[in-house]
Amino acid sequence: MVRFPAATMTRSPSPTSSPRSSPTPSPSSSEASRPGEAAVEDGRQLLEKLQEDRLWLLRQLDAGRWPEWRLDLAALERELGQLLDQAGEQID
């Protein structure tokens, strides 16, 4: 079982729950005309970042890090790869 320091487990307040939260900016004219495309692009960027993180994890495992958790982390890495592939197909 992985234990994290208590400081990493605390959540910061939600921006929507803060009484001082700033109003959301109005979309630009190009975003307003095609709001779905902005969401798709955001999804692609998120998938790209998650793929980079997955590759980093794979490299760490290949380098011999965390030998006691290697099998579990490798299984999770494979599942994450499959999930990211499926999400990419859904976006395209």
PDB file of N, CA and C in Angstrom:
ATOM      1  N   MET A   1       0.844  -1.178   0.000  1.00  0.00           N
ATOM      2  CA  MET A   1       0.000   0.000   0.000  1.00  0.00           C
ATOM      3  C   MET A   1       0.882   1.231   0.000  1.00  0.00           C
ATOM      4  N   VAL A   2       0.579   2.153  -0.864  1.00  0.00           N
ATOM      5  CA  VAL A   2       1.348   3.380  -0.966  1.00  0.00           C
ATOM      6  C   VAL A   2       0.768   4.389   0.004  1.00  0.00           C
ATOM      7  N   ARG A   3       1.629   5.006   0.799  1.00  0.00           N
ATOM      8  CA  ARG A   3       1.180   6.030   1.733  1.00  0.00           C
ATOM      9  C   ARG A   3       1.740   7.355   1.277  1.00  0.00           C
ATOM     10  N   PHE A   4       0.892   8.350   1.226  1.00  0.00           N
ATOM     11  CA  PHE A   4       1.286   9.679   0.838  1.00  0.00           C
ATOM     12  C   PHE A   4       1.223  10.585   2.056  1.00  0.00           C
ATOM     13  N   PRO A   5       2.100  11.576   2.112  1.00  0.00           N
ATOM     14  CA  PRO A   5       2.016  12.525   3.218  1.00  0.00           C
ATOM     15  C   PRO A   5       0.654  13.205   3.224  1.00  0.00           C
ATOM     16  N   ALA A   6       0.195  13.557   4.401  1.00  0.00           N
ATOM     17  CA  ALA A   6      -1.127  14.159   4.540  1.00  0.00           C
ATOM     18  C   ALA A   6      -1.258  15.423   3.705  1.00  0.00           C
ATOM     19  N   ALA A   7      -0.186  16.162   3.524  1.00  0.00           N
ATOM     20  CA  ALA A   7      -0.253  17.408   2.757  1.00  0.00           C
ATOM     21  C   ALA A   7      -0.634  17.156   1.312  1.00  0.00           C
ATOM     22  N   THR A   8      -0.233  16.022   0.750  1.00  0.00           N
ATOM     23  CA  THR A   8      -0.565  15.747  -0.648  1.00  0.00           C
ATOM     24  C   THR A   8      -1.976  15.237  -0.792  1.00  0.00           C
ATOM     25  N   MET A   9      -2.590  14.830   0.298  1.00  0.00           N
ATOM     26  CA  MET A   9      -3.929  14.279   0.242  1.00  0.00           C
ATOM     27  C   MET A   9      -5.000  15.349   0.403  1.00  0.00           C
ATOM     28  N   THR A  10      -4.638  16.545   0.839  1.00  0.00           N
ATOM     29  CA  THR A  10      -5.651  17.570   1.046  1.00  0.00           C
ATOM     30  C   THR A  10      -6.056  18.171  -0.279  1.00  0.00           C
ATOM     31  N   ARG A  11      -7.280  18.572  -0.344  1.00  0.00           N
ATOM     32  CA  ARG A  11      -7.806  19.189  -1.562  1.00  0.00           C
ATOM     33  C   ARG A  11      -7.868  20.684  -1.373  1.00  0.00           C
ATOM     34  N   SER A  12      -7.565  21.394  -2.435  1.00  0.00           N
ATOM     35  CA  SER A  12      -7.730  22.835  -2.382  1.00  0.00           C
ATOM     36  C   SER A  12      -9.192  23.142  -2.655  1.00  0.00           C
ATOM     37  N   PRO A  13      -9.671  24.263  -2.181  1.00  0.00           N
ATOM     38  CA  PRO A  13     -11.080  24.583  -2.411  1.00  0.00           C
ATOM     39  C   PRO A  13     -11.383  24.703  -3.889  1.00  0.00           C
ATOM     40  N   SER A  14     -12.562  24.298  -4.235  1.00  0.00           N
ATOM     41  CA  SER A  14     -13.009  24.379  -5.616  1.00  0.00           C
ATOM     42  C   SER A  14     -13.153  25.832  -6.026  1.00  0.00           C
ATOM     43  N   PRO A  15     -12.724  26.187  -7.252  1.00  0.00           N
ATOM     44  CA  PRO A  15     -12.858  27.575  -7.684  1.00  0.00           C
ATOM     45  C   PRO A  15     -14.310  28.040  -7.704  1.00  0.00           C
ATOM     46  N   THR A  16     -15.240  27.121  -7.911  1.00  0.00           N
ATOM     47  CA  THR A  16     -16.641  27.529  -7.948  1.00  0.00           C
ATOM     48  C   THR A  16     -17.194  27.771  -6.559  1.00  0.00           C
ATOM     49  N   SER A  17     -16.555  27.198  -5.524  1.00  0.00           N
ATOM     50  CA  SER A  17     -17.060  27.387  -4.176  1.00  0.00           C
ATOM     51  C   SER A  17     -16.502  28.644  -3.530  1.00  0.00           C
ATOM     52  N   SER A  18     -15.495  29.226  -4.119  1.00  0.00           N
ATOM     53  CA  SER A  18     -14.878  30.412  -3.553  1.00  0.00           C
ATOM     54  C   SER A  18     -15.728  31.644  -3.835  1.00  0.00           C
ATOM     55  N   PRO A  19     -16.003  32.449  -2.809  1.00  0.00           N
ATOM     56  CA  PRO A  19     -16.799  33.648  -3.064  1.00  0.00           C
ATOM     57  C   PRO A  19     -16.045  34.675  -3.897  1.00  0.00           C
ATOM     58  N   ARG A  20     -14.732  34.559  -3.967  1.00  0.00           N
ATOM     59  CA  ARG A  20     -13.934  35.517  -4.725  1.00  0.00           C
ATOM     60  C   ARG A  20     -13.568  35.003  -6.103  1.00  0.00           C
ATOM     61  N   SER A  21     -14.187  33.946  -6.563  1.00  0.00           N
ATOM     62  CA  SER A  21     -13.809  33.408  -7.873  1.00  0.00           C
ATOM     63  C   SER A  21     -14.139  34.414  -8.961  1.00  0.00           C
ATOM     64  N   SER A  22     -13.242  34.498  -9.924  1.00  0.00           N
ATOM     65  CA  SER A  22     -13.421  35.460 -11.013  1.00  0.00           C
ATOM     66  C   SER A  22     -14.401  34.899 -12.026  1.00  0.00           C
ATOM     67  N   PRO A  23     -15.107  35.753 -12.732  1.00  0.00           N
ATOM     68  CA  PRO A  23     -16.037  35.264 -13.747  1.00  0.00           C
ATOM     69  C   PRO A  23     -15.280  34.591 -14.876  1.00  0.00           C
ATOM     70  N   THR A  24     -15.940  33.648 -15.516  1.00  0.00           N
ATOM     71  CA  THR A  24     -15.293  32.960 -16.628  1.00  0.00           C
ATOM     72  C   THR A  24     -15.216  33.903 -17.810  1.00  0.00           C
ATOM     73  N   PRO A  25     -14.086  33.895 -18.510  1.00  0.00           N
ATOM     74  CA  PRO A  25     -13.947  34.795 -19.662  1.00  0.00           C
ATOM     75  C   PRO A  25     -14.894  34.375 -20.768  1.00  0.00           C
ATOM     76  N   SER A  26     -15.356  35.347 -21.508  1.00  0.00           N
ATOM     77  CA  SER A  26     -16.235  35.021 -22.626  1.00  0.00           C
ATOM     78  C   SER A  26     -15.394  34.433 -23.751  1.00  0.00           C
ATOM     79  N   PRO A  27     -15.943  33.454 -24.461  1.00  0.00           N
ATOM     80  CA  PRO A  27     -15.167  32.805 -25.526  1.00  0.00           C
ATOM     81  C   PRO A  27     -14.905  33.762 -26.670  1.00  0.00           C
ATOM     82  N   SER A  28     -13.798  33.510 -27.361  1.00  0.00           N
ATOM     83  CA  SER A  28     -13.485  34.311 -28.541  1.00  0.00           C
ATOM     84  C   SER A  28     -14.483  33.979 -29.646  1.00  0.00           C
ATOM     85  N   SER A  29     -14.502  34.773 -30.677  1.00  0.00           N
ATOM     86  CA  SER A  29     -15.479  34.561 -31.744  1.00  0.00           C
ATOM     87  C   SER A  29     -15.286  33.209 -32.419  1.00  0.00           C
ATOM     88  N   SER A  30     -14.052  32.746 -32.567  1.00  0.00           N
ATOM     89  CA  SER A  30     -13.834  31.450 -33.207  1.00  0.00           C
ATOM     90  C   SER A  30     -14.314  30.319 -32.308  1.00  0.00           C
ATOM     91  N   GLU A  31     -14.136  30.462 -30.969  1.00  0.00           N
ATOM     92  CA  GLU A  31     -14.612  29.441 -30.048  1.00  0.00           C
ATOM     93  C   GLU A  31     -16.129  29.454 -29.966  1.00  0.00           C
ATOM     94  N   ALA A  32     -16.717  30.631 -30.016  1.00  0.00           N
ATOM     95  CA  ALA A  32     -18.165  30.735 -29.912  1.00  0.00           C
ATOM     96  C   ALA A  32     -18.848  30.091 -31.099  1.00  0.00           C
ATOM     97  N   SER A  33     -18.236  30.164 -32.276  1.00  0.00           N
ATOM     98  CA  SER A  33     -18.862  29.593 -33.454  1.00  0.00           C
ATOM     99  C   SER A  33     -18.740  28.072 -33.478  1.00  0.00           C
ATOM    100  N   ARG A  34     -17.738  27.523 -32.809  1.00  0.00           N
ATOM    101  CA  ARG A  34     -17.533  26.077 -32.814  1.00  0.00           C
ATOM    102  C   ARG A  34     -17.100  25.598 -31.430  1.00  0.00           C
ATOM    103  N   PRO A  35     -18.011  25.620 -30.460  1.00  0.00           N
ATOM    104  CA  PRO A  35     -17.616  25.232 -29.110  1.00  0.00           C
ATOM    105  C   PRO A  35     -17.217  23.761 -28.999  1.00  0.00           C
ATOM    106  N   GLY A  36     -17.777  22.895 -29.833  1.00  0.00           N
ATOM    107  CA  GLY A  36     -17.433  21.480 -29.798  1.00  0.00           C
ATOM    108  C   GLY A  36     -15.995  21.225 -30.205  1.00  0.00           C
ATOM    109  N   GLU A  37     -15.498  22.009 -31.150  1.00  0.00           N
ATOM    110  CA  GLU A  37     -14.119  21.828 -31.610  1.00  0.00           C
ATOM    111  C   GLU A  37     -13.120  22.185 -30.519  1.00  0.00           C
ATOM    112  N   ALA A  38     -13.428  23.195 -29.707  1.00  0.00           N
ATOM    113  CA  ALA A  38     -12.534  23.561 -28.606  1.00  0.00           C
ATOM    114  C   ALA A  38     -12.459  22.419 -27.598  1.00  0.00           C
ATOM    115  N   ALA A  39     -13.596  21.805 -27.323  1.00  0.00           N
ATOM    116  CA  ALA A  39     -13.611  20.688 -26.375  1.00  0.00           C
ATOM    117  C   ALA A  39     -12.833  19.494 -26.923  1.00  0.00           C
ATOM    118  N   VAL A  40     -12.970  19.239 -28.217  1.00  0.00           N
ATOM    119  CA  VAL A  40     -12.242  18.133 -28.841  1.00  0.00           C
ATOM    120  C   VAL A  40     -10.742  18.396 -28.771  1.00  0.00           C
ATOM    121  N   GLU A  41     -10.336  19.630 -29.051  1.00  0.00           N
ATOM    122  CA  GLU A  41      -8.909  19.973 -28.986  1.00  0.00           C
ATOM    123  C   GLU A  41      -8.386  19.833 -27.563  1.00  0.00           C
ATOM    124  N   ASP A  42      -9.178  20.261 -26.584  1.00  0.00           N
ATOM    125  CA  ASP A  42      -8.781  20.093 -25.183  1.00  0.00           C
ATOM    126  C   ASP A  42      -8.624  18.617 -24.843  1.00  0.00           C
ATOM    127  N   GLY A  43      -9.536  17.796 -25.362  1.00  0.00           N
ATOM    128  CA  GLY A  43      -9.456  16.356 -25.130  1.00  0.00           C
ATOM    129  C   GLY A  43      -8.211  15.755 -25.744  1.00  0.00           C
ATOM    130  N   ARG A  44      -7.883  16.196 -26.941  1.00  0.00           N
ATOM    131  CA  ARG A  44      -6.661  15.701 -27.599  1.00  0.00           C
ATOM    132  C   ARG A  44      -5.415  16.086 -26.813  1.00  0.00           C
ATOM    133  N   GLN A  45      -5.385  17.323 -26.329  1.00  0.00           N
ATOM    134  CA  GLN A  45      -4.237  17.773 -25.546  1.00  0.00           C
ATOM    135  C   GLN A  45      -4.117  16.973 -24.248  1.00  0.00           C
ATOM    136  N   LEU A  46      -5.243  16.701 -23.614  1.00  0.00           N
ATOM    137  CA  LEU A  46      -5.223  15.904 -22.389  1.00  0.00           C
ATOM    138  C   LEU A  46      -4.728  14.492 -22.673  1.00  0.00           C
ATOM    139  N   LEU A  47      -5.221  13.885 -23.742  1.00  0.00           N
ATOM    140  CA  LEU A  47      -4.765  12.537 -24.104  1.00  0.00           C
ATOM    141  C   LEU A  47      -3.275  12.520 -24.404  1.00  0.00           C
ATOM    142  N   GLU A  48      -2.788  13.552 -25.079  1.00  0.00           N
ATOM    143  CA  GLU A  48      -1.357  13.638 -25.385  1.00  0.00           C
ATOM    144  C   GLU A  48      -0.530  13.704 -24.100  1.00  0.00           C
ATOM    145  N   LYS A  49      -0.981  14.508 -23.147  1.00  0.00           N
ATOM    146  CA  LYS A  49      -0.265  14.630 -21.871  1.00  0.00           C
ATOM    147  C   LYS A  49      -0.308  13.308 -21.105  1.00  0.00           C
ATOM    148  N   LEU A  50      -1.444  12.651 -21.106  1.00  0.00           N
ATOM    149  CA  LEU A  50      -1.545  11.361 -20.419  1.00  0.00           C
ATOM    150  C   LEU A  50      -0.673  10.302 -21.087  1.00  0.00           C
ATOM    151  N   GLN A  51      -0.561  10.336 -22.418  1.00  0.00           N
ATOM    152  CA  GLN A  51       0.331   9.406 -23.123  1.00  0.00           C
ATOM    153  C   GLN A  51       1.786   9.654 -22.722  1.00  0.00           C
ATOM    154  N   GLU A  52       2.154  10.938 -22.614  1.00  0.00           N
ATOM    155  CA  GLU A  52       3.518  11.271 -22.179  1.00  0.00           C
ATOM    156  C   GLU A  52       3.772  10.740 -20.772  1.00  0.00           C
ATOM    157  N   ASP A  53       2.807  10.905 -19.893  1.00  0.00           N
ATOM    158  CA  ASP A  53       2.945  10.403 -18.524  1.00  0.00           C
ATOM    159  C   ASP A  53       3.037   8.885 -18.497  1.00  0.00           C
ATOM    160  N   ARG A  54       2.260   8.227 -19.339  1.00  0.00           N
ATOM    161  CA  ARG A  54       2.300   6.765 -19.430  1.00  0.00           C
ATOM    162  C   ARG A  54       3.670   6.288 -19.909  1.00  0.00           C
ATOM    163  N   LEU A  55       4.210   6.985 -20.913  1.00  0.00           N
ATOM    164  CA  LEU A  55       5.539   6.615 -21.408  1.00  0.00           C
ATOM    165  C   LEU A  55       6.614   6.840 -20.340  1.00  0.00           C
ATOM    166  N   TRP A  56       6.478   7.902 -19.565  1.00  0.00           N
ATOM    167  CA  TRP A  56       7.421   8.150 -18.481  1.00  0.00           C
ATOM    168  C   TRP A  56       7.370   6.997 -17.481  1.00  0.00           C
ATOM    169  N   LEU A  57       6.156   6.568 -17.122  1.00  0.00           N
ATOM    170  CA  LEU A  57       6.006   5.452 -16.188  1.00  0.00           C
ATOM    171  C   LEU A  57       6.636   4.187 -16.757  1.00  0.00           C
ATOM    172  N   LEU A  58       6.400   3.924 -18.029  1.00  0.00           N
ATOM    173  CA  LEU A  58       6.965   2.740 -18.673  1.00  0.00           C
ATOM    174  C   LEU A  58       8.488   2.772 -18.641  1.00  0.00           C
ATOM    175  N   ARG A  59       9.055   3.935 -18.921  1.00  0.00           N
ATOM    176  CA  ARG A  59      10.525   4.056 -18.872  1.00  0.00           C
ATOM    177  C   ARG A  59      11.058   3.837 -17.463  1.00  0.00           C
ATOM    178  N   GLN A  60      10.354   4.346 -16.481  1.00  0.00           N
ATOM    179  CA  GLN A  60      10.777   4.155 -15.092  1.00  0.00           C
ATOM    180  C   GLN A  60      10.739   2.674 -14.714  1.00  0.00           C
ATOM    181  N   LEU A  61       9.695   1.990 -15.136  1.00  0.00           N
ATOM    182  CA  LEU A  61       9.587   0.554 -14.847  1.00  0.00           C
ATOM    183  C   LEU A  61      10.685  -0.226 -15.556  1.00  0.00           C
ATOM    184  N   ASP A  62      10.947   0.135 -16.817  1.00  0.00           N
ATOM    185  CA  ASP A  62      12.006  -0.544 -17.573  1.00  0.00           C
ATOM    186  C   ASP A  62      13.382  -0.308 -16.960  1.00  0.00           C
ATOM    187  N   ALA A  63      13.540   0.845 -16.311  1.00  0.00           N
ATOM    188  CA  ALA A  63      14.819   1.165 -15.669  1.00  0.00           C
ATOM    189  C   ALA A  63      14.974   0.481 -14.307  1.00  0.00           C
ATOM    190  N   GLY A  64      13.946  -0.229 -13.861  1.00  0.00           N
ATOM    191  CA  GLY A  64      14.055  -0.975 -12.615  1.00  0.00           C
ATOM    192  C   GLY A  64      13.539  -0.254 -11.377  1.00  0.00           C
ATOM    193  N   ARG A  65      12.859   0.853 -11.559  1.00  0.00           N
ATOM    194  CA  ARG A  65      12.305   1.553 -10.396  1.00  0.00           C
ATOM    195  C   ARG A  65      11.134   0.785  -9.812  1.00  0.00           C
ATOM    196  N   TRP A  66      10.939   0.955  -8.552  1.00  0.00           N
ATOM    197  CA  TRP A  66       9.831   0.362  -7.798  1.00  0.00           C
ATOM    198  C   TRP A  66       9.691  -1.142  -8.046  1.00  0.00           C
ATOM    199  N   PRO A  67      10.747  -1.915  -7.783  1.00  0.00           N
ATOM    200  CA  PRO A  67      10.684  -3.355  -8.074  1.00  0.00           C
ATOM    201  C   PRO A  67       9.570  -4.074  -7.313  1.00  0.00           C
ATOM    202  N   GLU A  68       9.247  -3.599  -6.118  1.00  0.00           N
ATOM    203  CA  GLU A  68       8.207  -4.265  -5.334  1.00  0.00           C
ATOM    204  C   GLU A  68       6.796  -4.048  -5.912  1.00  0.00           C
ATOM    205  N   TRP A  69       6.629  -3.029  -6.745  1.00  0.00           N
ATOM    206  CA  TRP A  69       5.327  -2.740  -7.350  1.00  0.00           C
ATOM    207  C   TRP A  69       5.339  -2.910  -8.858  1.00  0.00           C
ATOM    208  N   ARG A  70       6.405  -3.466  -9.383  1.00  0.00           N
ATOM    209  CA  ARG A  70       6.578  -3.539 -10.834  1.00  0.00           C
ATOM    210  C   ARG A  70       5.421  -4.222 -11.551  1.00  0.00           C
ATOM    211  N   LEU A  71       4.995  -5.376 -11.067  1.00  0.00           N
ATOM    212  CA  LEU A  71       3.931  -6.108 -11.764  1.00  0.00           C
ATOM    213  C   LEU A  71       2.611  -5.345 -11.740  1.00  0.00           C
ATOM    214  N   ASP A  72       2.267  -4.780 -10.604  1.00  0.00           N
ATOM    215  CA  ASP A  72       1.019  -4.021 -10.508  1.00  0.00           C
ATOM    216  C   ASP A  72       1.070  -2.771 -11.368  1.00  0.00           C
ATOM    217  N   LEU A  73       2.191  -2.048 -11.310  1.00  0.00           N
ATOM    218  CA  LEU A  73       2.309  -0.833 -12.108  1.00  0.00           C
ATOM    219  C   LEU A  73       2.327  -1.136 -13.603  1.00  0.00           C
ATOM    220  N   ALA A  74       2.954  -2.237 -13.993  1.00  0.00           N
ATOM    221  CA  ALA A  74       2.978  -2.619 -15.406  1.00  0.00           C
ATOM    222  C   ALA A  74       1.564  -2.947 -15.889  1.00  0.00           C
ATOM    223  N   ALA A  75       0.778  -3.620 -15.057  1.00  0.00           N
ATOM    224  CA  ALA A  75      -0.602  -3.932 -15.430  1.00  0.00           C
ATOM    225  C   ALA A  75      -1.417  -2.649 -15.566  1.00  0.00           C
ATOM    226  N   LEU A  76      -1.230  -1.737 -14.637  1.00  0.00           N
ATOM    227  CA  LEU A  76      -1.935  -0.455 -14.722  1.00  0.00           C
ATOM    228  C   LEU A  76      -1.514   0.337 -15.953  1.00  0.00           C
ATOM    229  N   GLU A  77      -0.237   0.286 -16.276  1.00  0.00           N
ATOM    230  CA  GLU A  77       0.267   0.996 -17.462  1.00  0.00           C
ATOM    231  C   GLU A  77      -0.382   0.436 -18.719  1.00  0.00           C
ATOM    232  N   ARG A  78      -0.513  -0.877 -18.807  1.00  0.00           N
ATOM    233  CA  ARG A  78      -1.155  -1.493 -19.979  1.00  0.00           C
ATOM    234  C   ARG A  78      -2.624  -1.088 -20.069  1.00  0.00           C
ATOM    235  N   GLU A  79      -3.312  -1.117 -18.928  1.00  0.00           N
ATOM    236  CA  GLU A  79      -4.717  -0.720 -18.923  1.00  0.00           C
ATOM    237  C   GLU A  79      -4.876   0.753 -19.304  1.00  0.00           C
ATOM    238  N   LEU A  80      -3.980   1.587 -18.808  1.00  0.00           N
ATOM    239  CA  LEU A  80      -4.026   3.008 -19.148  1.00  0.00           C
ATOM    240  C   LEU A  80      -3.814   3.198 -20.645  1.00  0.00           C
ATOM    241  N   GLY A  81      -2.872   2.456 -21.219  1.00  0.00           N
ATOM    242  CA  GLY A  81      -2.631   2.541 -22.654  1.00  0.00           C
ATOM    243  C   GLY A  81      -3.870   2.165 -23.459  1.00  0.00           C
ATOM    244  N   GLN A  82      -4.555   1.108 -23.040  1.00  0.00           N
ATOM    245  CA  GLN A  82      -5.773   0.691 -23.730  1.00  0.00           C
ATOM    246  C   GLN A  82      -6.867   1.753 -23.597  1.00  0.00           C
ATOM    247  N   LEU A  83      -7.002   2.305 -22.402  1.00  0.00           N
ATOM    248  CA  LEU A  83      -8.003   3.334 -22.170  1.00  0.00           C
ATOM    249  C   LEU A  83      -7.736   4.570 -23.014  1.00  0.00           C
ATOM    250  N   LEU A  84      -6.476   4.977 -23.091  1.00  0.00           N
ATOM    251  CA  LEU A  84      -6.111   6.150 -23.893  1.00  0.00           C
ATOM    252  C   LEU A  84      -6.343   5.898 -25.370  1.00  0.00           C
ATOM    253  N   ASP A  85      -6.058   4.688 -25.835  1.00  0.00           N
ATOM    254  CA  ASP A  85      -6.326   4.339 -27.239  1.00  0.00           C
ATOM    255  C   ASP A  85      -7.817   4.428 -27.538  1.00  0.00           C
ATOM    256  N   GLN A  86      -8.645   3.882 -26.641  1.00  0.00           N
ATOM    257  CA  GLN A  86     -10.091   3.927 -26.841  1.00  0.00           C
ATOM    258  C   GLN A  86     -10.610   5.359 -26.814  1.00  0.00           C
ATOM    259  N   ALA A  87     -10.090   6.159 -25.896  1.00  0.00           N
ATOM    260  CA  ALA A  87     -10.516   7.561 -25.824  1.00  0.00           C
ATOM    261  C   ALA A  87     -10.108   8.315 -27.087  1.00  0.00           C
ATOM    262  N   GLY A  88      -8.913   8.036 -27.594  1.00  0.00           N
ATOM    263  CA  GLY A  88      -8.469   8.667 -28.828  1.00  0.00           C
ATOM    264  C   GLY A  88      -9.362   8.310 -30.006  1.00  0.00           C
ATOM    265  N   GLU A  89      -9.801   7.055 -30.066  1.00  0.00           N
ATOM    266  CA  GLU A  89     -10.699   6.637 -31.139  1.00  0.00           C
ATOM    267  C   GLU A  89     -12.046   7.347 -31.025  1.00  0.00           C
ATOM    268  N   GLN A  90     -12.515   7.545 -29.803  1.00  0.00           N
ATOM    269  CA  GLN A  90     -13.784   8.226 -29.601  1.00  0.00           C
ATOM    270  C   GLN A  90     -13.702   9.701 -30.025  1.00  0.00           C
ATOM    271  N   ILE A  91     -12.556  10.328 -29.769  1.00  0.00           N
ATOM    272  CA  ILE A  91     -12.404  11.734 -30.119  1.00  0.00           C
ATOM    273  C   ILE A  91     -12.306  11.897 -31.633  1.00  0.00           C
ATOM    274  N   ASP A  92     -11.592  10.980 -32.278  1.00  0.00           N
ATOM    275  CA  ASP A  92     -11.422  11.094 -33.738  1.00  0.00           C
ATOM    276  C   ASP A  92     -12.661  10.633 -34.411  1.00  0.00           C
TER     277      ASP A  92
END
